[in-house]
């Protein structure tokens, strides 16, 4: 058993505050698990991950996730799958939102120096 005393520090990206749970573990290169927080009244940029399959599990709050132009209302206890290559984004209104994002392969891999992220309208 490997118990680590360090706690990953939050990363701020767009409207997301992200804590990488699998950072500095043996899973880091194969699975990303992040706790993501979004404050009220926020709208993220629409983007996609071309190599990563993603599952969101809503921990607290409520909001909307836009997937390929479909607005899906989400709240605590719900699960949402986002396939690789699907454009998506997050919208909150009066409530904040906190969710677990599980990706394979990881969207951000610090050791490999890769970020699987393409903003809608970018010339990738």
Protein backbone atom coordinates (compact mmCIF):
# COMPACT_ATOMS: atom_id res chain seq x y z
CA UNK A 1 0.00 0.00 0.00
CA UNK A 2 1.25 3.44 -0.91
CA UNK A 3 -0.12 6.24 1.24
CA UNK A 4 1.03 9.68 0.27
CA UNK A 5 0.83 12.66 2.59
CA UNK A 6 0.79 15.24 -0.20
CA UNK A 7 -2.42 16.65 -1.60
CA UNK A 8 -2.49 17.71 -5.26
CA UNK A 9 -2.86 21.46 -5.66
CA UNK A 10 -5.78 22.86 -7.68
CA UNK A 11 -5.11 23.91 -11.26
CA UNK A 12 -7.19 26.77 -12.68
CA UNK A 13 -8.17 26.33 -16.33
CA UNK A 14 -10.88 28.40 -18.01
CA UNK A 15 -13.73 28.31 -15.43
CA UNK A 16 -12.56 25.02 -13.92
CA UNK A 17 -10.69 24.52 -10.67
CA UNK A 18 -9.14 21.05 -11.05
CA UNK A 19 -7.52 18.72 -8.54
CA UNK A 20 -5.72 15.85 -10.29
CA UNK A 21 -6.37 12.83 -8.07
CA UNK A 22 -4.14 10.40 -10.02
CA UNK A 23 -1.20 12.82 -10.22
CA UNK A 24 2.08 11.20 -9.07
CA UNK A 25 0.55 7.71 -8.94
CA UNK A 26 1.08 4.59 -11.04
CA UNK A 27 -2.23 5.34 -12.81
CA UNK A 28 -1.15 8.79 -13.97
CA UNK A 29 -0.23 7.68 -17.53
CA UNK A 30 -3.37 5.59 -18.17
CA UNK A 31 -6.28 7.12 -16.26
CA UNK A 32 -7.00 10.70 -15.28
CA UNK A 33 -9.26 11.23 -12.29
CA UNK A 34 -9.94 14.87 -11.46
CA UNK A 35 -12.24 16.61 -9.00
CA UNK A 36 -13.51 19.68 -10.87
CA UNK A 37 -15.28 22.68 -9.33
CA UNK A 38 -17.17 25.41 -11.18
CA UNK A 39 -18.48 28.55 -9.47
CA UNK A 40 -22.03 29.85 -10.08
CA UNK A 41 -22.90 31.81 -13.24
CA UNK A 42 -20.06 30.51 -15.38
CA UNK A 43 -19.87 29.25 -18.98
CA UNK A 44 -16.85 27.32 -20.21
CA UNK A 45 -15.43 27.44 -23.68
CA UNK A 46 -16.68 24.68 -25.97
CA UNK A 47 -13.90 22.18 -26.53
CA UNK A 48 -13.13 18.52 -27.19
CA UNK A 49 -10.63 15.85 -26.28
CA UNK A 50 -9.65 13.94 -29.41
CA UNK A 51 -8.00 10.97 -27.68
CA UNK A 52 -9.80 10.73 -24.32
CA UNK A 53 -13.03 9.02 -23.37
CA UNK A 54 -14.53 10.85 -20.38
CA UNK A 55 -17.05 10.04 -17.67
CA UNK A 56 -18.39 12.80 -15.44
CA UNK A 57 -19.94 11.91 -12.08
CA UNK A 58 -21.73 14.86 -10.50
CA UNK A 59 -20.81 15.17 -6.81
CA UNK A 60 -22.55 18.40 -5.77
CA UNK A 61 -24.66 21.18 -7.20
CA UNK A 62 -26.29 21.44 -10.59
CA UNK A 63 -25.76 22.89 -14.02
CA UNK A 64 -25.76 21.98 -17.68
CA UNK A 65 -23.30 20.13 -19.85
CA UNK A 66 -23.50 20.91 -23.55
CA UNK A 67 -22.49 17.90 -25.66
CA UNK A 68 -22.56 18.33 -29.46
CA UNK A 69 -25.08 21.21 -29.20
CA UNK A 70 -27.39 19.28 -26.84
CA UNK A 71 -27.87 20.92 -23.42
CA UNK A 72 -28.09 18.28 -20.67
CA UNK A 73 -29.21 19.27 -17.16
CA UNK A 74 -27.09 17.57 -14.48
CA UNK A 75 -27.27 17.32 -10.69
CA UNK A 76 -25.68 15.37 -7.85
CA UNK A 77 -25.63 11.60 -8.36
CA UNK A 78 -25.80 11.64 -12.15
CA UNK A 79 -23.25 10.21 -14.57
CA UNK A 80 -22.55 11.50 -18.08
CA UNK A 81 -20.30 9.91 -20.73
CA UNK A 82 -18.54 12.10 -23.28
CA UNK A 83 -16.97 10.25 -26.20
CA UNK A 84 -13.60 11.27 -27.59
CA UNK A 85 -13.94 13.94 -30.22
CA UNK A 86 -17.30 15.27 -28.97
CA UNK A 87 -17.41 19.02 -28.45
CA UNK A 88 -18.69 19.89 -24.97
CA UNK A 89 -18.78 22.59 -22.29
CA UNK A 90 -20.23 23.38 -18.86
CA UNK A 91 -22.73 26.04 -17.79
CA UNK A 92 -23.75 26.96 -14.23
CA UNK A 93 -26.47 29.36 -13.12
CA UNK A 94 -27.20 30.15 -9.46
CA UNK A 95 -25.62 26.92 -8.17
CA UNK A 96 -22.01 25.82 -8.21
CA UNK A 97 -21.06 22.42 -9.63
CA UNK A 98 -18.52 19.84 -8.48
CA UNK A 99 -17.86 16.65 -10.40
CA UNK A 100 -15.43 13.79 -10.75
CA UNK A 101 -13.97 13.60 -14.26
CA UNK A 102 -12.45 10.26 -15.24
CA UNK A 103 -10.57 10.13 -18.53
CA UNK A 104 -8.66 7.47 -20.41
CA UNK A 105 -6.09 8.33 -21.51
CA UNK A 106 -5.68 11.37 -19.23
CA UNK A 107 -6.49 14.75 -20.76
CA UNK A 108 -3.46 16.31 -19.04
CA UNK A 109 -0.32 14.23 -18.56
CA UNK A 110 2.36 16.37 -16.92
CA UNK A 111 5.07 13.68 -17.13
CA UNK A 112 4.61 13.29 -20.91
CA UNK A 113 3.91 16.99 -21.39
CA UNK A 114 0.64 16.37 -23.28
CA UNK A 115 -2.72 18.13 -23.19
CA UNK A 116 -5.59 16.61 -25.20
CA UNK A 117 -7.61 19.80 -25.68
CA UNK A 118 -9.01 21.49 -28.78
CA UNK A 119 -11.16 24.60 -28.51
CA UNK A 120 -14.10 24.92 -30.91
CA UNK A 121 -13.00 27.01 -33.87
CA UNK A 122 -9.28 26.40 -33.39
CA UNK A 123 -7.26 25.45 -36.44
CA UNK A 124 -5.98 22.09 -35.22
